[in-house]
């Protein structure tokens, strides 16, 4: 195996190991997101896309070269020529085997390189979705707590309003009773005032009659005095 295909094979083994680790069920997406947020990945992020597309181009070139070799050694003409010479036949089969091996190595390397990038992207998306889900769950719990608190406050407020309405109703009933009592007392007072007014009018009329009687008696008294004085003068 030449140096370039040794490097491609080593790259394939590294890809297989990384993909197996990325797909390990005991490592959560949040942990991988923490790993991907290390400073070294931030430092390498500007070069990541260039490296990714460069490796794709290299692997595509190697894959096409391996496919060309497979097609070259699979043609019937070289095989017909190799049937004459046994050593040449074995040599062609060996070259065909190497070409097929290189084709598989480059093809799987290209495939796993794309799969690895997609897995990393999906892990990040799953981690972000989990974080958003946790945030939404916390918001829902806080909203539920706030709703329960508001319901409890509304219940307490309704209870307070109901108690206050009962107190107001009792006070209104008491005030109504007091108003009725005061109305009855006012009615009695009005009747007493009217009665006293009637008595005062009767006493006024009686006082006027007594004054007239007094004036009459006083005039009769004067007349009697005048008659008595006149009779005394005649006797003298």
C-alpha atoms as a PDB file:
ATOM      1  CA  UNK A   1       0.000   0.000   0.000  1.00  0.00           C
ATOM      2  CA  UNK A   2       1.416   3.359  -1.001  1.00  0.00           C
ATOM      3  CA  UNK A   3       1.773   6.265   1.431  1.00  0.00           C
ATOM      4  CA  UNK A   4      -1.294   8.115   0.210  1.00  0.00           C
ATOM      5  CA  UNK A   5      -3.557   5.097   0.552  1.00  0.00           C
ATOM      6  CA  UNK A   6      -2.047   4.309   3.941  1.00  0.00           C
ATOM      7  CA  UNK A   7      -3.002   7.857   5.021  1.00  0.00           C
ATOM      8  CA  UNK A   8      -6.513   7.409   3.575  1.00  0.00           C
ATOM      9  CA  UNK A   9      -6.920   4.094   5.410  1.00  0.00           C
ATOM     10  CA  UNK A  10      -5.718   5.671   8.651  1.00  0.00           C
ATOM     11  CA  UNK A  11      -8.148   8.543   8.053  1.00  0.00           C
ATOM     12  CA  UNK A  12     -10.942   5.987   7.526  1.00  0.00           C
ATOM     13  CA  UNK A  13     -10.119   4.227  10.813  1.00  0.00           C
ATOM     14  CA  UNK A  14     -10.094   7.588  12.624  1.00  0.00           C
ATOM     15  CA  UNK A  15     -13.484   8.451  11.085  1.00  0.00           C
ATOM     16  CA  UNK A  16     -14.919   5.113  12.172  1.00  0.00           C
ATOM     17  CA  UNK A  17     -13.684   5.643  15.731  1.00  0.00           C
ATOM     18  CA  UNK A  18     -14.986   9.228  15.892  1.00  0.00           C
ATOM     19  CA  UNK A  19     -18.397   8.236  14.528  1.00  0.00           C
ATOM     20  CA  UNK A  20     -18.642   5.370  17.011  1.00  0.00           C
ATOM     21  CA  UNK A  21     -17.782   7.760  19.865  1.00  0.00           C
ATOM     22  CA  UNK A  22     -20.257  10.377  18.604  1.00  0.00           C
ATOM     23  CA  UNK A  23     -23.004   7.764  18.420  1.00  0.00           C
ATOM     24  CA  UNK A  24     -22.242   6.369  21.888  1.00  0.00           C
ATOM     25  CA  UNK A  25     -25.507   6.372  23.898  1.00  0.00           C
ATOM     26  CA  UNK A  26     -23.890   7.126  27.265  1.00  0.00           C
ATOM     27  CA  UNK A  27     -22.719  10.607  26.176  1.00  0.00           C
ATOM     28  CA  UNK A  28     -25.559  13.127  26.008  1.00  0.00           C
ATOM     29  CA  UNK A  29     -25.908  15.847  23.402  1.00  0.00           C
ATOM     30  CA  UNK A  30     -25.411  18.507  26.088  1.00  0.00           C
ATOM     31  CA  UNK A  31     -22.010  17.055  26.966  1.00  0.00           C
ATOM     32  CA  UNK A  32     -20.982  17.027  23.321  1.00  0.00           C
ATOM     33  CA  UNK A  33     -22.123  20.638  23.037  1.00  0.00           C
ATOM     34  CA  UNK A  34     -19.902  21.491  25.994  1.00  0.00           C
ATOM     35  CA  UNK A  35     -17.012  19.715  24.267  1.00  0.00           C
ATOM     36  CA  UNK A  36     -17.690  21.563  21.010  1.00  0.00           C
ATOM     37  CA  UNK A  37     -17.698  24.875  22.877  1.00  0.00           C
ATOM     38  CA  UNK A  38     -14.067  24.489  23.960  1.00  0.00           C
ATOM     39  CA  UNK A  39     -11.717  27.280  23.030  1.00  0.00           C
ATOM     40  CA  UNK A  40      -9.681  25.128  20.631  1.00  0.00           C
ATOM     41  CA  UNK A  41     -12.743  24.502  18.435  1.00  0.00           C
ATOM     42  CA  UNK A  42     -13.465  28.218  18.407  1.00  0.00           C
ATOM     43  CA  UNK A  43      -9.927  28.796  17.277  1.00  0.00           C
ATOM     44  CA  UNK A  44     -10.259  26.167  14.539  1.00  0.00           C
ATOM     45  CA  UNK A  45     -13.759  27.198  13.432  1.00  0.00           C
ATOM     46  CA  UNK A  46     -12.554  29.712  10.767  1.00  0.00           C
ATOM     47  CA  UNK A  47     -10.574  26.916   9.093  1.00  0.00           C
ATOM     48  CA  UNK A  48     -13.161  24.176   9.513  1.00  0.00           C
ATOM     49  CA  UNK A  49     -15.146  24.767   6.319  1.00  0.00           C
ATOM     50  CA  UNK A  50     -11.997  25.072   4.217  1.00  0.00           C
ATOM     51  CA  UNK A  51     -10.603  21.858   5.679  1.00  0.00           C
ATOM     52  CA  UNK A  52     -13.929  20.085   5.200  1.00  0.00           C
ATOM     53  CA  UNK A  53     -14.287  20.963   1.522  1.00  0.00           C
ATOM     54  CA  UNK A  54     -10.588  20.318   0.901  1.00  0.00           C
ATOM     55  CA  UNK A  55     -10.895  16.800   2.295  1.00  0.00           C
ATOM     56  CA  UNK A  56     -14.003  16.232   0.186  1.00  0.00           C
ATOM     57  CA  UNK A  57     -12.157  17.266  -2.956  1.00  0.00           C
ATOM     58  CA  UNK A  58      -9.142  15.076  -2.083  1.00  0.00           C
ATOM     59  CA  UNK A  59     -11.322  12.056  -1.320  1.00  0.00           C
ATOM     60  CA  UNK A  60     -13.363  12.575  -4.502  1.00  0.00           C
ATOM     61  CA  UNK A  61     -10.157  12.707  -6.557  1.00  0.00           C
ATOM     62  CA  UNK A  62      -8.860   9.545  -4.891  1.00  0.00           C
ATOM     63  CA  UNK A  63     -12.221   7.829  -5.349  1.00  0.00           C
ATOM     64  CA  UNK A  64     -12.286   8.709  -9.052  1.00  0.00           C
ATOM     65  CA  UNK A  65      -8.687   7.546  -9.437  1.00  0.00           C
ATOM     66  CA  UNK A  66      -9.530   4.232  -7.752  1.00  0.00           C
ATOM     67  CA  UNK A  67     -12.612   3.873  -9.951  1.00  0.00           C
ATOM     68  CA  UNK A  68     -10.465   4.509 -13.018  1.00  0.00           C
ATOM     69  CA  UNK A  69      -8.011   1.812 -11.880  1.00  0.00           C
ATOM     70  CA  UNK A  70     -10.841  -0.668 -11.282  1.00  0.00           C
ATOM     71  CA  UNK A  71     -12.270   0.044 -14.695  1.00  0.00           C
ATOM     72  CA  UNK A  72      -8.794  -0.255 -16.237  1.00  0.00           C
ATOM     73  CA  UNK A  73      -8.039  -3.668 -14.767  1.00  0.00           C
ATOM     74  CA  UNK A  74     -11.580  -4.957 -15.231  1.00  0.00           C
ATOM     75  CA  UNK A  75     -11.529  -4.652 -19.017  1.00  0.00           C
ATOM     76  CA  UNK A  76     -11.511  -7.994 -20.877  1.00  0.00           C
ATOM     77  CA  UNK A  77      -8.519  -7.081 -23.066  1.00  0.00           C
ATOM     78  CA  UNK A  78      -5.868  -7.099 -20.309  1.00  0.00           C
ATOM     79  CA  UNK A  79      -7.401 -10.291 -18.943  1.00  0.00           C
ATOM     80  CA  UNK A  80      -7.162 -12.021 -22.304  1.00  0.00           C
ATOM     81  CA  UNK A  81      -3.521 -11.006 -22.590  1.00  0.00           C
ATOM     82  CA  UNK A  82      -2.859 -12.159 -18.997  1.00  0.00           C
ATOM     83  CA  UNK A  83      -4.271 -15.628 -19.622  1.00  0.00           C
ATOM     84  CA  UNK A  84      -1.186 -16.395 -21.733  1.00  0.00           C
ATOM     85  CA  UNK A  85       1.181 -15.580 -18.906  1.00  0.00           C
ATOM     86  CA  UNK A  86       0.269 -16.856 -15.415  1.00  0.00           C
ATOM     87  CA  UNK A  87       2.479 -14.338 -13.636  1.00  0.00           C
ATOM     88  CA  UNK A  88       0.880 -11.478 -15.531  1.00  0.00           C
ATOM     89  CA  UNK A  89      -2.584 -12.855 -14.686  1.00  0.00           C
ATOM     90  CA  UNK A  90      -1.791 -12.884 -10.973  1.00  0.00           C
ATOM     91  CA  UNK A  91      -0.258  -9.440 -11.248  1.00  0.00           C
ATOM     92  CA  UNK A  92      -3.418  -8.062 -12.901  1.00  0.00           C
ATOM     93  CA  UNK A  93      -5.653  -9.652 -10.261  1.00  0.00           C
ATOM     94  CA  UNK A  94      -3.464  -8.160  -7.548  1.00  0.00           C
ATOM     95  CA  UNK A  95      -3.710  -4.699  -9.168  1.00  0.00           C
ATOM     96  CA  UNK A  96      -7.469  -5.123  -9.534  1.00  0.00           C
ATOM     97  CA  UNK A  97      -7.762  -6.135  -5.886  1.00  0.00           C
ATOM     98  CA  UNK A  98      -5.729  -3.102  -4.815  1.00  0.00           C
ATOM     99  CA  UNK A  99      -7.813  -0.821  -7.006  1.00  0.00           C
ATOM    100  CA  UNK A 100     -11.056  -2.210  -5.558  1.00  0.00           C
ATOM    101  CA  UNK A 101      -9.614  -1.915  -2.040  1.00  0.00           C
ATOM    102  CA  UNK A 102      -8.638   1.704  -2.701  1.00  0.00           C
ATOM    103  CA  UNK A 103     -12.088   2.380  -4.150  1.00  0.00           C
ATOM    104  CA  UNK A 104     -13.787   1.063  -1.014  1.00  0.00           C
ATOM    105  CA  UNK A 105     -11.391   2.915   1.290  1.00  0.00           C
ATOM    106  CA  UNK A 106     -11.833   6.266  -0.468  1.00  0.00           C
ATOM    107  CA  UNK A 107     -15.592   5.777  -0.890  1.00  0.00           C
ATOM    108  CA  UNK A 108     -16.200   4.903   2.745  1.00  0.00           C
ATOM    109  CA  UNK A 109     -13.856   7.697   3.850  1.00  0.00           C
ATOM    110  CA  UNK A 110     -15.860  10.207   1.810  1.00  0.00           C
ATOM    111  CA  UNK A 111     -19.153   8.798   3.068  1.00  0.00           C
ATOM    112  CA  UNK A 112     -18.098   8.783   6.740  1.00  0.00           C
ATOM    113  CA  UNK A 113     -16.632  12.283   6.390  1.00  0.00           C
ATOM    114  CA  UNK A 114     -20.048  13.565   5.313  1.00  0.00           C
ATOM    115  CA  UNK A 115     -21.789  11.456   7.959  1.00  0.00           C
ATOM    116  CA  UNK A 116     -19.479  12.776  10.693  1.00  0.00           C
ATOM    117  CA  UNK A 117     -20.244  16.405   9.808  1.00  0.00           C
ATOM    118  CA  UNK A 118     -23.971  15.664   9.721  1.00  0.00           C
ATOM    119  CA  UNK A 119     -23.833  13.863  13.074  1.00  0.00           C
ATOM    120  CA  UNK A 120     -22.032  16.820  14.668  1.00  0.00           C
ATOM    121  CA  UNK A 121     -24.643  19.221  13.272  1.00  0.00           C
ATOM    122  CA  UNK A 122     -27.495  17.013  14.517  1.00  0.00           C
ATOM    123  CA  UNK A 123     -25.901  16.709  17.966  1.00  0.00           C
ATOM    124  CA  UNK A 124     -25.686  20.499  18.199  1.00  0.00           C
ATOM    125  CA  UNK A 125     -29.290  20.840  17.061  1.00  0.00           C
ATOM    126  CA  UNK A 126     -30.453  18.235  19.578  1.00  0.00           C
ATOM    127  CA  UNK A 127     -28.525  20.009  22.361  1.00  0.00           C
ATOM    128  CA  UNK A 128     -30.014  23.387  21.392  1.00  0.00           C
ATOM    129  CA  UNK A 129     -33.491  21.840  21.193  1.00  0.00           C
ATOM    130  CA  UNK A 130     -32.993  20.247  24.629  1.00  0.00           C
ATOM    131  CA  UNK A 131     -31.868  23.579  26.086  1.00  0.00           C
ATOM    132  CA  UNK A 132     -34.826  25.349  24.498  1.00  0.00           C
ATOM    133  CA  UNK A 133     -37.112  22.601  25.760  1.00  0.00           C
ATOM    134  CA  UNK A 134     -35.684  22.994  29.260  1.00  0.00           C
ATOM    135  CA  UNK A 135     -36.159  26.762  29.039  1.00  0.00           C
ATOM    136  CA  UNK A 136     -39.716  26.326  27.795  1.00  0.00           C
ATOM    137  CA  UNK A 137     -40.365  23.782  30.541  1.00  0.00           C
ATOM    138  CA  UNK A 138     -39.075  26.248  33.139  1.00  0.00           C
ATOM    139  CA  UNK A 139     -41.226  28.989  31.615  1.00  0.00           C
ATOM    140  CA  UNK A 140     -44.244  26.687  31.626  1.00  0.00           C
ATOM    141  CA  UNK A 141     -43.627  25.790  35.266  1.00  0.00           C
ATOM    142  CA  UNK A 142     -43.210  29.439  36.228  1.00  0.00           C
ATOM    143  CA  UNK A 143     -46.330  30.310  34.222  1.00  0.00           C
ATOM    144  CA  UNK A 144     -48.232  27.489  35.928  1.00  0.00           C
ATOM    145  CA  UNK A 145     -47.029  28.703  39.336  1.00  0.00           C
ATOM    146  CA  UNK A 146     -48.018  32.263  38.449  1.00  0.00           C
ATOM    147  CA  UNK A 147     -51.427  31.044  37.234  1.00  0.00           C
ATOM    148  CA  UNK A 148     -51.936  29.056  40.438  1.00  0.00           C
ATOM    149  CA  UNK A 149     -50.880  32.087  42.461  1.00  0.00           C
ATOM    150  CA  UNK A 150     -53.308  34.291  40.537  1.00  0.00           C
ATOM    151  CA  UNK A 151     -56.059  31.754  41.048  1.00  0.00           C
ATOM    152  CA  UNK A 152     -55.301  31.641  44.758  1.00  0.00           C
ATOM    153  CA  UNK A 153     -55.241  35.449  44.890  1.00  0.00           C
ATOM    154  CA  UNK A 154     -58.539  35.573  43.012  1.00  0.00           C
ATOM    155  CA  UNK A 155     -60.027  33.039  45.397  1.00  0.00           C
ATOM    156  CA  UNK A 156     -58.812  35.020  48.414  1.00  0.00           C
ATOM    157  CA  UNK A 157     -60.083  38.247  46.829  1.00  0.00           C
ATOM    158  CA  UNK A 158     -63.451  36.682  46.094  1.00  0.00           C
ATOM    159  CA  UNK A 159     -63.616  35.383  49.664  1.00  0.00           C
ATOM    160  CA  UNK A 160     -62.684  38.832  50.982  1.00  0.00           C
ATOM    161  CA  UNK A 161     -65.281  40.471  48.727  1.00  0.00           C
ATOM    162  CA  UNK A 162     -67.872  37.939  49.842  1.00  0.00           C
ATOM    163  CA  UNK A 163     -67.051  38.605  53.507  1.00  0.00           C
ATOM    164  CA  UNK A 164     -67.116  42.346  52.869  1.00  0.00           C
ATOM    165  CA  UNK A 165     -70.457  42.024  51.105  1.00  0.00           C
ATOM    166  CA  UNK A 166     -71.785  40.117  54.087  1.00  0.00           C
ATOM    167  CA  UNK A 167     -70.498  42.810  56.458  1.00  0.00           C
ATOM    168  CA  UNK A 168     -71.957  45.550  54.244  1.00  0.00           C
ATOM    169  CA  UNK A 169     -75.252  43.678  54.062  1.00  0.00           C
ATOM    170  CA  UNK A 170     -75.327  43.338  57.844  1.00  0.00           C
ATOM    171  CA  UNK A 171     -74.457  47.029  58.250  1.00  0.00           C
ATOM    172  CA  UNK A 172     -77.159  47.980  55.739  1.00  0.00           C
ATOM    173  CA  UNK A 173     -79.639  45.837  57.621  1.00  0.00           C
ATOM    174  CA  UNK A 174     -78.666  47.508  60.893  1.00  0.00           C
ATOM    175  CA  UNK A 175     -78.859  50.943  59.287  1.00  0.00           C
ATOM    176  CA  UNK A 176     -82.251  50.061  57.864  1.00  0.00           C
ATOM    177  CA  UNK A 177     -83.433  49.031  61.318  1.00  0.00           C
ATOM    178  CA  UNK A 178     -82.020  52.252  62.789  1.00  0.00           C
ATOM    179  CA  UNK A 179     -83.686  54.311  60.032  1.00  0.00           C
ATOM    180  CA  UNK A 180     -86.993  52.596  60.697  1.00  0.00           C
ATOM    181  CA  UNK A 181     -86.541  53.213  64.417  1.00  0.00           C
ATOM    182  CA  UNK A 182     -85.653  56.864  63.821  1.00  0.00           C
ATOM    183  CA  UNK A 183     -88.608  57.187  61.430  1.00  0.00           C
ATOM    184  CA  UNK A 184     -90.965  55.847  64.067  1.00  0.00           C
ATOM    185  CA  UNK A 185     -89.430  58.159  66.690  1.00  0.00           C
ATOM    186  CA  UNK A 186     -89.733  61.098  64.294  1.00  0.00           C
ATOM    187  CA  UNK A 187     -93.349  60.188  63.677  1.00  0.00           C
ATOM    188  CA  UNK A 188     -94.005  60.070  67.406  1.00  0.00           C
ATOM    189  CA  UNK A 189     -92.179  63.381  67.840  1.00  0.00           C
ATOM    190  CA  UNK A 190     -94.225  64.929  65.036  1.00  0.00           C
ATOM    191  CA  UNK A 191     -97.416  63.707  66.700  1.00  0.00           C
ATOM    192  CA  UNK A 192     -96.241  65.096  70.052  1.00  0.00           C
ATOM    193  CA  UNK A 193     -95.358  68.438  68.445  1.00  0.00           C
ATOM    194  CA  UNK A 194     -98.705  68.544  66.700  1.00  0.00           C
ATOM    195  CA  UNK A 195    -100.458  67.711  69.963  1.00  0.00           C
ATOM    196  CA  UNK A 196     -98.531  70.364  71.857  1.00  0.00           C
ATOM    197  CA  UNK A 197     -99.269  72.852  69.071  1.00  0.00           C
ATOM    198  CA  UNK A 198    -102.961  72.012  69.370  1.00  0.00           C
ATOM    199  CA  UNK A 199    -102.804  72.435  73.150  1.00  0.00           C
ATOM    200  CA  UNK A 200    -100.988  75.767  72.732  1.00  0.00           C
ATOM    201  CA  UNK A 201    -103.693  76.962  70.335  1.00  0.00           C
ATOM    202  CA  UNK A 202    -106.362  75.875  72.837  1.00  0.00           C
ATOM    203  CA  UNK A 203    -104.510  77.626  75.660  1.00  0.00           C
ATOM    204  CA  UNK A 204    -104.179  80.742  73.451  1.00  0.00           C
ATOM    205  CA  UNK A 205    -107.887  80.755  72.779  1.00  0.00           C
ATOM    206  CA  UNK A 206    -108.553  80.223  76.486  1.00  0.00           C
ATOM    207  CA  UNK A 207    -106.143  83.057  77.341  1.00  0.00           C
ATOM    208  CA  UNK A 208    -107.952  85.344  74.903  1.00  0.00           C
ATOM    209  CA  UNK A 209    -111.306  84.401  76.496  1.00  0.00           C
ATOM    210  CA  UNK A 210    -109.934  85.073  79.971  1.00  0.00           C
ATOM    211  CA  UNK A 211    -108.526  88.405  78.812  1.00  0.00           C
ATOM    212  CA  UNK A 212    -111.955  89.394  77.425  1.00  0.00           C
ATOM    213  CA  UNK A 213    -113.624  88.232  80.623  1.00  0.00           C
ATOM    214  CA  UNK A 214    -111.057  90.159  82.637  1.00  0.00           C
ATOM    215  CA  UNK A 215    -111.694  93.292  80.579  1.00  0.00           C
ATOM    216  CA  UNK A 216    -115.437  92.853  81.011  1.00  0.00           C
ATOM    217  CA  UNK A 217    -115.127  92.390  84.766  1.00  0.00           C
ATOM    218  CA  UNK A 218    -112.752  95.328  84.948  1.00  0.00           C
ATOM    219  CA  UNK A 219    -115.243  97.533  83.092  1.00  0.00           C
ATOM    220  CA  UNK A 220    -118.065  96.370  85.362  1.00  0.00           C
ATOM    221  CA  UNK A 221    -115.854  97.093  88.348  1.00  0.00           C
ATOM    222  CA  UNK A 222    -115.260 100.606  87.087  1.00  0.00           C
ATOM    223  CA  UNK A 223    -118.928 101.070  86.486  1.00  0.00           C
ATOM    224  CA  UNK A 224    -119.724  99.894  90.015  1.00  0.00           C
ATOM    225  CA  UNK A 225    -117.142 102.220  91.420  1.00  0.00           C
ATOM    226  CA  UNK A 226    -118.581 105.087  89.458  1.00  0.00           C
ATOM    227  CA  UNK A 227    -122.124 104.308  90.671  1.00  0.00           C
ATOM    228  CA  UNK A 228    -120.935 104.035  94.247  1.00  0.00           C
ATOM    229  CA  UNK A 229    -119.121 107.356  94.070  1.00  0.00           C
ATOM    230  CA  UNK A 230    -122.197 108.981  92.542  1.00  0.00           C
ATOM    231  CA  UNK A 231    -124.452 107.656  95.277  1.00  0.00           C
ATOM    232  CA  UNK A 232    -122.055 108.882  97.947  1.00  0.00           C
ATOM    233  CA  UNK A 233    -122.153 112.360  96.496  1.00  0.00           C
ATOM    234  CA  UNK A 234    -125.952 112.435  96.530  1.00  0.00           C
ATOM    235  CA  UNK A 235    -126.096 111.444 100.160  1.00  0.00           C
ATOM    236  CA  UNK A 236    -123.836 114.271 101.156  1.00  0.00           C
END
